[in-house]
């Protein structure tokens, strides 16, 4: 199993790098109005990655895979939390301001 994982590693790294570049280009060309729905979608995808990495962590004994799964959990968790924070910030921009701020102007 370990030799198969190491044999597939270069192909998987190439796919990862190409998908990263493709994702950056796709997100760069998204309209600003669609960023909030897009952020919600990426949070959902990150939660699937988070659960998958937790499952791998619970079932593996290989140190290399354990390290990659730990990094995956950390990155997915960071992406989920920061996605929710950014979404909240974007939604706050669309809320009406309170009356006190309007009356002081």
PDB file of N, CA and C in Angstrom:
ATOM      1  N   UNK A   1       0.824  -1.200   0.000  1.00  0.00           N
ATOM      2  CA  UNK A   1       0.000   0.000   0.000  1.00  0.00           C
ATOM      3  C   UNK A   1       0.859   1.251   0.000  1.00  0.00           C
ATOM      4  N   UNK A   2       1.916   1.281   0.780  1.00  0.00           N
ATOM      5  CA  UNK A   2       2.765   2.457   0.874  1.00  0.00           C
ATOM      6  C   UNK A   2       3.463   2.731  -0.446  1.00  0.00           C
ATOM      7  N   UNK A   3       3.934   1.689  -1.122  1.00  0.00           N
ATOM      8  CA  UNK A   3       4.602   1.897  -2.410  1.00  0.00           C
ATOM      9  C   UNK A   3       3.622   2.423  -3.451  1.00  0.00           C
ATOM     10  N   UNK A   4       2.366   2.014  -3.382  1.00  0.00           N
ATOM     11  CA  UNK A   4       1.355   2.516  -4.310  1.00  0.00           C
ATOM     12  C   UNK A   4       1.079   3.997  -4.052  1.00  0.00           C
ATOM     13  N   UNK A   5       1.025   4.381  -2.783  1.00  0.00           N
ATOM     14  CA  UNK A   5       0.808   5.783  -2.434  1.00  0.00           C
ATOM     15  C   UNK A   5       1.963   6.629  -2.945  1.00  0.00           C
ATOM     16  N   UNK A   6       3.185   6.170  -2.762  1.00  0.00           N
ATOM     17  CA  UNK A   6       4.355   6.921  -3.225  1.00  0.00           C
ATOM     18  C   UNK A   6       4.438   6.943  -4.739  1.00  0.00           C
ATOM     19  N   UNK A   7       3.982   5.888  -5.407  1.00  0.00           N
ATOM     20  CA  UNK A   7       3.993   5.861  -6.868  1.00  0.00           C
ATOM     21  C   UNK A   7       2.983   6.842  -7.446  1.00  0.00           C
ATOM     22  N   UNK A   8       1.859   7.006  -6.783  1.00  0.00           N
ATOM     23  CA  UNK A   8       0.818   7.926  -7.255  1.00  0.00           C
ATOM     24  C   UNK A   8       1.074   9.373  -6.838  1.00  0.00           C
ATOM     25  N   UNK A   9       2.023   9.617  -5.975  1.00  0.00           N
ATOM     26  CA  UNK A   9       2.261  10.953  -5.440  1.00  0.00           C
ATOM     27  C   UNK A   9       2.576  11.995  -6.516  1.00  0.00           C
ATOM     28  N   UNK A  10       3.476  11.741  -7.476  1.00  0.00           N
ATOM     29  CA  UNK A  10       3.747  12.779  -8.490  1.00  0.00           C
ATOM     30  C   UNK A  10       2.510  13.142  -9.315  1.00  0.00           C
ATOM     31  N   UNK A  11       1.729  12.160  -9.695  1.00  0.00           N
ATOM     32  CA  UNK A  11       0.515  12.425 -10.471  1.00  0.00           C
ATOM     33  C   UNK A  11      -0.472  13.227  -9.631  1.00  0.00           C
ATOM     34  N   UNK A  12      -0.642  12.849  -8.372  1.00  0.00           N
ATOM     35  CA  UNK A  12      -1.566  13.574  -7.495  1.00  0.00           C
ATOM     36  C   UNK A  12      -1.100  15.000  -7.229  1.00  0.00           C
ATOM     37  N   UNK A  13       0.208  15.212  -7.109  1.00  0.00           N
ATOM     38  CA  UNK A  13       0.727  16.567  -6.920  1.00  0.00           C
ATOM     39  C   UNK A  13       0.492  17.440  -8.159  1.00  0.00           C
ATOM     40  N   UNK A  14       0.671  16.860  -9.340  1.00  0.00           N
ATOM     41  CA  UNK A  14       0.423  17.608 -10.573  1.00  0.00           C
ATOM     42  C   UNK A  14      -1.054  17.995 -10.662  1.00  0.00           C
ATOM     43  N   UNK A  15      -1.934  17.063 -10.347  1.00  0.00           N
ATOM     44  CA  UNK A  15      -3.371  17.362 -10.361  1.00  0.00           C
ATOM     45  C   UNK A  15      -3.701  18.445  -9.339  1.00  0.00           C
ATOM     46  N   UNK A  16      -3.105  18.368  -8.175  1.00  0.00           N
ATOM     47  CA  UNK A  16      -3.342  19.371  -7.139  1.00  0.00           C
ATOM     48  C   UNK A  16      -2.878  20.748  -7.583  1.00  0.00           C
ATOM     49  N   UNK A  17      -1.690  20.838  -8.163  1.00  0.00           N
ATOM     50  CA  UNK A  17      -1.150  22.125  -8.601  1.00  0.00           C
ATOM     51  C   UNK A  17      -1.997  22.711  -9.731  1.00  0.00           C
ATOM     52  N   UNK A  18      -2.368  21.886 -10.700  1.00  0.00           N
ATOM     53  CA  UNK A  18      -3.198  22.376 -11.806  1.00  0.00           C
ATOM     54  C   UNK A  18      -4.575  22.818 -11.320  1.00  0.00           C
ATOM     55  N   UNK A  19      -5.169  22.073 -10.401  1.00  0.00           N
ATOM     56  CA  UNK A  19      -6.486  22.463  -9.892  1.00  0.00           C
ATOM     57  C   UNK A  19      -6.403  23.737  -9.051  1.00  0.00           C
ATOM     58  N   UNK A  20      -5.286  23.947  -8.372  1.00  0.00           N
ATOM     59  CA  UNK A  20      -5.092  25.185  -7.621  1.00  0.00           C
ATOM     60  C   UNK A  20      -5.042  26.388  -8.556  1.00  0.00           C
ATOM     61  N   UNK A  21      -4.257  26.275  -9.624  1.00  0.00           N
ATOM     62  CA  UNK A  21      -4.195  27.372 -10.591  1.00  0.00           C
ATOM     63  C   UNK A  21      -5.547  27.613 -11.254  1.00  0.00           C
ATOM     64  N   UNK A  22      -6.244  26.555 -11.604  1.00  0.00           N
ATOM     65  CA  UNK A  22      -7.559  26.688 -12.218  1.00  0.00           C
ATOM     66  C   UNK A  22      -8.536  27.358 -11.254  1.00  0.00           C
ATOM     67  N   UNK A  23      -8.529  26.954  -9.996  1.00  0.00           N
ATOM     68  CA  UNK A  23      -9.408  27.553  -8.997  1.00  0.00           C
ATOM     69  C   UNK A  23      -9.131  29.026  -8.781  1.00  0.00           C
ATOM     70  N   UNK A  24      -7.866  29.400  -8.751  1.00  0.00           N
ATOM     71  CA  UNK A  24      -7.511  30.807  -8.575  1.00  0.00           C
ATOM     72  C   UNK A  24      -8.002  31.626  -9.764  1.00  0.00           C
ATOM     73  N   UNK A  25      -7.820  31.120 -10.958  1.00  0.00           N
ATOM     74  CA  UNK A  25      -8.276  31.845 -12.154  1.00  0.00           C
ATOM     75  C   UNK A  25      -9.800  31.957 -12.191  1.00  0.00           C
ATOM     76  N   UNK A  26     -10.492  30.903 -11.810  1.00  0.00           N
ATOM     77  CA  UNK A  26     -11.951  30.948 -11.807  1.00  0.00           C
ATOM     78  C   UNK A  26     -12.474  31.959 -10.792  1.00  0.00           C
ATOM     79  N   UNK A  27     -11.930  31.951  -9.607  1.00  0.00           N
ATOM     80  CA  UNK A  27     -12.402  32.852  -8.557  1.00  0.00           C
ATOM     81  C   UNK A  27     -12.025  34.299  -8.879  1.00  0.00           C
ATOM     82  N   UNK A  28     -10.900  34.502  -9.528  1.00  0.00           N
ATOM     83  CA  UNK A  28     -10.472  35.853  -9.875  1.00  0.00           C
ATOM     84  C   UNK A  28     -11.457  36.526 -10.845  1.00  0.00           C
ATOM     85  N   UNK A  29     -12.134  35.744 -11.665  1.00  0.00           N
ATOM     86  CA  UNK A  29     -13.037  36.304 -12.669  1.00  0.00           C
ATOM     87  C   UNK A  29     -14.507  36.262 -12.250  1.00  0.00           C
ATOM     88  N   UNK A  30     -14.792  35.990 -10.997  1.00  0.00           N
ATOM     89  CA  UNK A  30     -16.166  35.963 -10.510  1.00  0.00           C
ATOM     90  C   UNK A  30     -16.612  37.377 -10.170  1.00  0.00           C
ATOM     91  N   UNK A  31     -17.845  37.698 -10.516  1.00  0.00           N
ATOM     92  CA  UNK A  31     -18.406  39.016 -10.201  1.00  0.00           C
ATOM     93  C   UNK A  31     -18.463  39.210  -8.686  1.00  0.00           C
ATOM     94  N   UNK A  32     -18.336  40.437  -8.245  1.00  0.00           N
ATOM     95  CA  UNK A  32     -18.358  40.727  -6.799  1.00  0.00           C
ATOM     96  C   UNK A  32     -19.688  40.354  -6.158  1.00  0.00           C
ATOM     97  N   UNK A  33     -20.763  40.403  -6.931  1.00  0.00           N
ATOM     98  CA  UNK A  33     -22.078  40.057  -6.384  1.00  0.00           C
ATOM     99  C   UNK A  33     -22.197  38.574  -6.048  1.00  0.00           C
ATOM    100  N   UNK A  34     -21.363  37.758  -6.649  1.00  0.00           N
ATOM    101  CA  UNK A  34     -21.461  36.317  -6.430  1.00  0.00           C
ATOM    102  C   UNK A  34     -20.501  35.799  -5.367  1.00  0.00           C
ATOM    103  N   UNK A  35     -19.719  36.684  -4.742  1.00  0.00           N
ATOM    104  CA  UNK A  35     -18.730  36.197  -3.784  1.00  0.00           C
ATOM    105  C   UNK A  35     -19.368  35.569  -2.543  1.00  0.00           C
ATOM    106  N   UNK A  36     -20.487  36.096  -2.053  1.00  0.00           N
ATOM    107  CA  UNK A  36     -21.116  35.514  -0.871  1.00  0.00           C
ATOM    108  C   UNK A  36     -21.651  34.108  -1.148  1.00  0.00           C
ATOM    109  N   UNK A  37     -22.396  33.874  -2.250  1.00  0.00           N
ATOM    110  CA  UNK A  37     -22.808  32.496  -2.538  1.00  0.00           C
ATOM    111  C   UNK A  37     -21.621  31.576  -2.813  1.00  0.00           C
ATOM    112  N   UNK A  38     -20.593  32.111  -3.458  1.00  0.00           N
ATOM    113  CA  UNK A  38     -19.412  31.305  -3.736  1.00  0.00           C
ATOM    114  C   UNK A  38     -18.710  30.912  -2.442  1.00  0.00           C
ATOM    115  N   UNK A  39     -18.655  31.832  -1.480  1.00  0.00           N
ATOM    116  CA  UNK A  39     -18.034  31.548  -0.190  1.00  0.00           C
ATOM    117  C   UNK A  39     -18.811  30.455   0.545  1.00  0.00           C
ATOM    118  N   UNK A  40     -20.135  30.499   0.459  1.00  0.00           N
ATOM    119  CA  UNK A  40     -20.943  29.458   1.094  1.00  0.00           C
ATOM    120  C   UNK A  40     -20.672  28.097   0.467  1.00  0.00           C
ATOM    121  N   UNK A  41     -20.506  28.083  -0.846  1.00  0.00           N
ATOM    122  CA  UNK A  41     -20.213  26.826  -1.534  1.00  0.00           C
ATOM    123  C   UNK A  41     -18.845  26.289  -1.139  1.00  0.00           C
ATOM    124  N   UNK A  42     -17.848  27.151  -1.059  1.00  0.00           N
ATOM    125  CA  UNK A  42     -16.517  26.680  -0.671  1.00  0.00           C
ATOM    126  C   UNK A  42     -16.495  26.222   0.783  1.00  0.00           C
ATOM    127  N   UNK A  43     -17.315  26.822   1.638  1.00  0.00           N
ATOM    128  CA  UNK A  43     -17.429  26.326   3.015  1.00  0.00           C
ATOM    129  C   UNK A  43     -17.988  24.910   3.027  1.00  0.00           C
ATOM    130  N   UNK A  44     -18.967  24.644   2.177  1.00  0.00           N
ATOM    131  CA  UNK A  44     -19.543  23.298   2.106  1.00  0.00           C
ATOM    132  C   UNK A  44     -18.511  22.298   1.599  1.00  0.00           C
ATOM    133  N   UNK A  45     -17.741  22.671   0.597  1.00  0.00           N
ATOM    134  CA  UNK A  45     -16.707  21.778   0.069  1.00  0.00           C
ATOM    135  C   UNK A  45     -15.627  21.544   1.118  1.00  0.00           C
ATOM    136  N   UNK A  46     -15.250  22.590   1.834  1.00  0.00           N
ATOM    137  CA  UNK A  46     -14.231  22.438   2.876  1.00  0.00           C
ATOM    138  C   UNK A  46     -14.717  21.549   4.012  1.00  0.00           C
ATOM    139  N   UNK A  47     -16.011  21.603   4.304  1.00  0.00           N
ATOM    140  CA  UNK A  47     -16.519  20.733   5.370  1.00  0.00           C
ATOM    141  C   UNK A  47     -16.468  19.276   4.948  1.00  0.00           C
ATOM    142  N   UNK A  48     -16.681  18.992   3.664  1.00  0.00           N
ATOM    143  CA  UNK A  48     -16.546  17.615   3.170  1.00  0.00           C
ATOM    144  C   UNK A  48     -15.088  17.174   3.268  1.00  0.00           C
ATOM    145  N   UNK A  49     -14.159  18.060   2.896  1.00  0.00           N
ATOM    146  CA  UNK A  49     -12.729  17.751   3.009  1.00  0.00           C
ATOM    147  C   UNK A  49     -12.326  17.527   4.459  1.00  0.00           C
ATOM    148  N   UNK A  50     -12.895  18.318   5.342  1.00  0.00           N
ATOM    149  CA  UNK A  50     -12.595  18.198   6.774  1.00  0.00           C
ATOM    150  C   UNK A  50     -13.024  16.829   7.305  1.00  0.00           C
ATOM    151  N   UNK A  51     -14.243  16.426   6.966  1.00  0.00           N
ATOM    152  CA  UNK A  51     -14.748  15.129   7.430  1.00  0.00           C
ATOM    153  C   UNK A  51     -13.936  13.982   6.820  1.00  0.00           C
ATOM    154  N   UNK A  52     -13.588  14.105   5.530  1.00  0.00           N
ATOM    155  CA  UNK A  52     -12.791  13.055   4.880  1.00  0.00           C
ATOM    156  C   UNK A  52     -11.415  12.927   5.529  1.00  0.00           C
ATOM    157  N   UNK A  53     -10.788  14.053   5.838  1.00  0.00           N
ATOM    158  CA  UNK A  53      -9.477  14.008   6.482  1.00  0.00           C
ATOM    159  C   UNK A  53      -9.575  13.425   7.890  1.00  0.00           C
ATOM    160  N   UNK A  54     -10.666  13.705   8.605  1.00  0.00           N
ATOM    161  CA  UNK A  54     -10.858  13.097   9.926  1.00  0.00           C
ATOM    162  C   UNK A  54     -11.019  11.580   9.822  1.00  0.00           C
ATOM    163  N   UNK A  55     -11.726  11.131   8.801  1.00  0.00           N
ATOM    164  CA  UNK A  55     -11.887   9.686   8.603  1.00  0.00           C
ATOM    165  C   UNK A  55     -10.542   9.040   8.304  1.00  0.00           C
ATOM    166  N   UNK A  56      -9.742   9.678   7.464  1.00  0.00           N
ATOM    167  CA  UNK A  56      -8.403   9.151   7.156  1.00  0.00           C
ATOM    168  C   UNK A  56      -7.549   9.125   8.418  1.00  0.00           C
ATOM    169  N   UNK A  57      -7.645  10.176   9.231  1.00  0.00           N
ATOM    170  CA  UNK A  57      -6.873  10.209  10.479  1.00  0.00           C
ATOM    171  C   UNK A  57      -7.236   9.057  11.406  1.00  0.00           C
ATOM    172  N   UNK A  58      -8.512   8.705  11.439  1.00  0.00           N
ATOM    173  CA  UNK A  58      -8.935   7.648  12.360  1.00  0.00           C
ATOM    174  C   UNK A  58      -8.583   6.254  11.868  1.00  0.00           C
ATOM    175  N   UNK A  59      -8.323   6.095  10.564  1.00  0.00           N
ATOM    176  CA  UNK A  59      -8.127   4.748  10.024  1.00  0.00           C
ATOM    177  C   UNK A  59      -6.703   4.419   9.615  1.00  0.00           C
ATOM    178  N   UNK A  60      -5.786   5.378   9.584  1.00  0.00           N
ATOM    179  CA  UNK A  60      -4.452   5.091   9.070  1.00  0.00           C
ATOM    180  C   UNK A  60      -3.428   4.970  10.184  1.00  0.00           C
ATOM    181  N   UNK A  61      -2.381   4.218   9.879  1.00  0.00           N
ATOM    182  CA  UNK A  61      -1.239   4.116  10.791  1.00  0.00           C
ATOM    183  C   UNK A  61       0.042   4.575  10.110  1.00  0.00           C
ATOM    184  N   UNK A  62      -0.031   4.859   8.798  1.00  0.00           N
ATOM    185  CA  UNK A  62       1.116   5.323   8.040  1.00  0.00           C
ATOM    186  C   UNK A  62       1.429   6.766   8.446  1.00  0.00           C
ATOM    187  N   UNK A  63       2.672   7.029   8.797  1.00  0.00           N
ATOM    188  CA  UNK A  63       3.070   8.345   9.288  1.00  0.00           C
ATOM    189  C   UNK A  63       2.917   9.422   8.219  1.00  0.00           C
ATOM    190  N   UNK A  64       3.290   9.115   6.978  1.00  0.00           N
ATOM    191  CA  UNK A  64       3.194  10.091   5.895  1.00  0.00           C
ATOM    192  C   UNK A  64       1.740  10.484   5.651  1.00  0.00           C
ATOM    193  N   UNK A  65       0.859   9.517   5.567  1.00  0.00           N
ATOM    194  CA  UNK A  65      -0.560   9.791   5.339  1.00  0.00           C
ATOM    195  C   UNK A  65      -1.160  10.495   6.547  1.00  0.00           C
ATOM    196  N   UNK A  66      -0.731  10.103   7.735  1.00  0.00           N
ATOM    197  CA  UNK A  66      -1.191  10.760   8.960  1.00  0.00           C
ATOM    198  C   UNK A  66      -0.812  12.244   8.965  1.00  0.00           C
ATOM    199  N   UNK A  67       0.389  12.558   8.519  1.00  0.00           N
ATOM    200  CA  UNK A  67       0.839  13.948   8.444  1.00  0.00           C
ATOM    201  C   UNK A  67       0.016  14.733   7.424  1.00  0.00           C
ATOM    202  N   UNK A  68      -0.189  14.151   6.246  1.00  0.00           N
ATOM    203  CA  UNK A  68      -0.982  14.828   5.221  1.00  0.00           C
ATOM    204  C   UNK A  68      -2.424  15.041   5.680  1.00  0.00           C
ATOM    205  N   UNK A  69      -2.997  14.049   6.357  1.00  0.00           N
ATOM    206  CA  UNK A  69      -4.371  14.187   6.844  1.00  0.00           C
ATOM    207  C   UNK A  69      -4.461  15.260   7.929  1.00  0.00           C
ATOM    208  N   UNK A  70      -3.455  15.358   8.775  1.00  0.00           N
ATOM    209  CA  UNK A  70      -3.433  16.395   9.806  1.00  0.00           C
ATOM    210  C   UNK A  70      -3.354  17.782   9.181  1.00  0.00           C
ATOM    211  N   UNK A  71      -2.512  17.919   8.171  1.00  0.00           N
ATOM    212  CA  UNK A  71      -2.425  19.193   7.453  1.00  0.00           C
ATOM    213  C   UNK A  71      -3.762  19.495   6.773  1.00  0.00           C
ATOM    214  N   UNK A  72      -4.394  18.472   6.206  1.00  0.00           N
ATOM    215  CA  UNK A  72      -5.699  18.650   5.565  1.00  0.00           C
ATOM    216  C   UNK A  72      -6.760  19.109   6.551  1.00  0.00           C
ATOM    217  N   UNK A  73      -6.772  18.533   7.737  1.00  0.00           N
ATOM    218  CA  UNK A  73      -7.729  18.951   8.767  1.00  0.00           C
ATOM    219  C   UNK A  73      -7.488  20.409   9.154  1.00  0.00           C
ATOM    220  N   UNK A  74      -6.227  20.761   9.355  1.00  0.00           N
ATOM    221  CA  UNK A  74      -5.904  22.133   9.759  1.00  0.00           C
ATOM    222  C   UNK A  74      -6.289  23.140   8.672  1.00  0.00           C
ATOM    223  N   UNK A  75      -5.974  22.836   7.421  1.00  0.00           N
ATOM    224  CA  UNK A  75      -6.292  23.761   6.335  1.00  0.00           C
ATOM    225  C   UNK A  75      -7.799  23.861   6.101  1.00  0.00           C
ATOM    226  N   UNK A  76      -8.494  22.751   6.135  1.00  0.00           N
ATOM    227  CA  UNK A  76      -9.948  22.788   5.930  1.00  0.00           C
ATOM    228  C   UNK A  76     -10.632  23.537   7.064  1.00  0.00           C
ATOM    229  N   UNK A  77     -10.184  23.321   8.284  1.00  0.00           N
ATOM    230  CA  UNK A  77     -10.768  24.024   9.421  1.00  0.00           C
ATOM    231  C   UNK A  77     -10.536  25.539   9.309  1.00  0.00           C
ATOM    232  N   UNK A  78      -9.316  25.914   8.941  1.00  0.00           N
ATOM    233  CA  UNK A  78      -9.003  27.330   8.759  1.00  0.00           C
ATOM    234  C   UNK A  78      -9.862  27.937   7.655  1.00  0.00           C
ATOM    235  N   UNK A  79     -10.041  27.201   6.566  1.00  0.00           N
ATOM    236  CA  UNK A  79     -10.850  27.699   5.453  1.00  0.00           C
ATOM    237  C   UNK A  79     -12.315  27.854   5.854  1.00  0.00           C
ATOM    238  N   UNK A  80     -12.828  26.924   6.626  1.00  0.00           N
ATOM    239  CA  UNK A  80     -14.224  27.004   7.061  1.00  0.00           C
ATOM    240  C   UNK A  80     -14.432  28.206   7.978  1.00  0.00           C
ATOM    241  N   UNK A  81     -13.581  28.359   8.968  1.00  0.00           N
ATOM    242  CA  UNK A  81     -13.731  29.468   9.927  1.00  0.00           C
ATOM    243  C   UNK A  81     -13.560  30.814   9.237  1.00  0.00           C
ATOM    244  N   UNK A  82     -12.523  30.954   8.428  1.00  0.00           N
ATOM    245  CA  UNK A  82     -12.314  32.238   7.755  1.00  0.00           C
ATOM    246  C   UNK A  82     -13.409  32.502   6.734  1.00  0.00           C
ATOM    247  N   UNK A  83     -13.953  31.465   6.113  1.00  0.00           N
ATOM    248  CA  UNK A  83     -15.059  31.657   5.179  1.00  0.00           C
ATOM    249  C   UNK A  83     -16.291  32.191   5.869  1.00  0.00           C
ATOM    250  N   UNK A  84     -16.596  31.652   7.037  1.00  0.00           N
ATOM    251  CA  UNK A  84     -17.741  32.170   7.786  1.00  0.00           C
ATOM    252  C   UNK A  84     -17.509  33.609   8.248  1.00  0.00           C
ATOM    253  N   UNK A  85     -16.292  33.928   8.658  1.00  0.00           N
ATOM    254  CA  UNK A  85     -15.994  35.298   9.085  1.00  0.00           C
ATOM    255  C   UNK A  85     -16.113  36.283   7.921  1.00  0.00           C
ATOM    256  N   UNK A  86     -15.605  35.902   6.767  1.00  0.00           N
ATOM    257  CA  UNK A  86     -15.691  36.781   5.606  1.00  0.00           C
ATOM    258  C   UNK A  86     -17.132  36.930   5.145  1.00  0.00           C
ATOM    259  N   UNK A  87     -17.888  35.833   5.146  1.00  0.00           N
ATOM    260  CA  UNK A  87     -19.292  35.902   4.752  1.00  0.00           C
ATOM    261  C   UNK A  87     -20.068  36.822   5.685  1.00  0.00           C
ATOM    262  N   UNK A  88     -19.811  36.732   6.976  1.00  0.00           N
ATOM    263  CA  UNK A  88     -20.479  37.607   7.945  1.00  0.00           C
ATOM    264  C   UNK A  88     -20.119  39.068   7.680  1.00  0.00           C
ATOM    265  N   UNK A  89     -18.882  39.316   7.372  1.00  0.00           N
ATOM    266  CA  UNK A  89     -18.445  40.691   7.091  1.00  0.00           C
ATOM    267  C   UNK A  89     -19.118  41.235   5.831  1.00  0.00           C
ATOM    268  N   UNK A  90     -19.220  40.412   4.802  1.00  0.00           N
ATOM    269  CA  UNK A  90     -19.870  40.842   3.564  1.00  0.00           C
ATOM    270  C   UNK A  90     -21.352  41.105   3.815  1.00  0.00           C
ATOM    271  N   UNK A  91     -22.008  40.231   4.562  1.00  0.00           N
ATOM    272  CA  UNK A  91     -23.430  40.421   4.839  1.00  0.00           C
ATOM    273  C   UNK A  91     -23.683  41.653   5.696  1.00  0.00           C
ATOM    274  N   UNK A  92     -22.743  41.997   6.583  1.00  0.00           N
ATOM    275  CA  UNK A  92     -22.878  43.209   7.398  1.00  0.00           C
ATOM    276  C   UNK A  92     -22.877  44.462   6.539  1.00  0.00           C
ATOM    277  N   UNK A  93     -22.200  44.413   5.399  1.00  0.00           N
ATOM    278  CA  UNK A  93     -22.167  45.582   4.518  1.00  0.00           C
ATOM    279  C   UNK A  93     -23.544  45.872   3.925  1.00  0.00           C
ATOM    280  N   UNK A  94     -24.407  44.870   3.827  1.00  0.00           N
ATOM    281  CA  UNK A  94     -25.717  45.050   3.216  1.00  0.00           C
ATOM    282  C   UNK A  94     -26.817  45.341   4.245  1.00  0.00           C
ATOM    283  N   UNK A  95     -26.514  45.284   5.520  1.00  0.00           N
ATOM    284  CA  UNK A  95     -27.507  45.584   6.551  1.00  0.00           C
ATOM    285  C   UNK A  95     -27.683  47.093   6.659  1.00  0.00           C
ATOM    286  N   UNK A  96     -28.915  47.527   6.956  1.00  0.00           N
ATOM    287  CA  UNK A  96     -29.112  48.980   7.124  1.00  0.00           C
ATOM    288  C   UNK A  96     -28.400  49.461   8.389  1.00  0.00           C
ATOM    289  N   UNK A  97     -27.849  50.656   8.275  1.00  0.00           N
ATOM    290  CA  UNK A  97     -27.167  51.233   9.454  1.00  0.00           C
ATOM    291  C   UNK A  97     -28.199  51.664  10.470  1.00  0.00           C
ATOM    292  N   UNK A  98     -27.788  51.745  11.732  1.00  0.00           N
ATOM    293  CA  UNK A  98     -28.732  52.126  12.790  1.00  0.00           C
ATOM    294  C   UNK A  98     -29.089  53.609  12.677  1.00  0.00           C
ATOM    295  N   UNK A  99     -30.198  54.001  13.303  1.00  0.00           N
ATOM    296  CA  UNK A  99     -30.720  55.367  13.186  1.00  0.00           C
ATOM    297  C   UNK A  99     -29.819  56.392  13.864  1.00  0.00           C
ATOM    298  N   UNK A 100     -29.104  55.991  14.918  1.00  0.00           N
ATOM    299  CA  UNK A 100     -28.246  56.923  15.628  1.00  0.00           C
ATOM    300  C   UNK A 100     -27.119  57.415  14.738  1.00  0.00           C
ATOM    301  N   UNK A 101     -26.560  56.537  13.944  1.00  0.00           N
ATOM    302  CA  UNK A 101     -25.483  56.938  13.058  1.00  0.00           C
ATOM    303  C   UNK A 101     -25.984  57.894  11.989  1.00  0.00           C
ATOM    304  N   UNK A 102     -27.227  57.728  11.524  1.00  0.00           N
ATOM    305  CA  UNK A 102     -27.801  58.613  10.517  1.00  0.00           C
ATOM    306  C   UNK A 102     -28.113  59.993  11.088  1.00  0.00           C
ATOM    307  N   UNK A 103     -28.596  60.035  12.328  1.00  0.00           N
ATOM    308  CA  UNK A 103     -28.982  61.313  12.917  1.00  0.00           C
ATOM    309  C   UNK A 103     -27.779  62.174  13.285  1.00  0.00           C
ATOM    310  N   UNK A 104     -26.627  61.562  13.548  1.00  0.00           N
ATOM    311  CA  UNK A 104     -25.444  62.329  13.921  1.00  0.00           C
ATOM    312  C   UNK A 104     -24.761  62.968  12.724  1.00  0.00           C
ATOM    313  N   UNK A 105     -25.120  62.560  11.508  1.00  0.00           N
ATOM    314  CA  UNK A 105     -24.490  63.121  10.309  1.00  0.00           C
ATOM    315  C   UNK A 105     -25.065  64.394   9.912  1.00  0.00           C
TER     316      UNK A 105
END
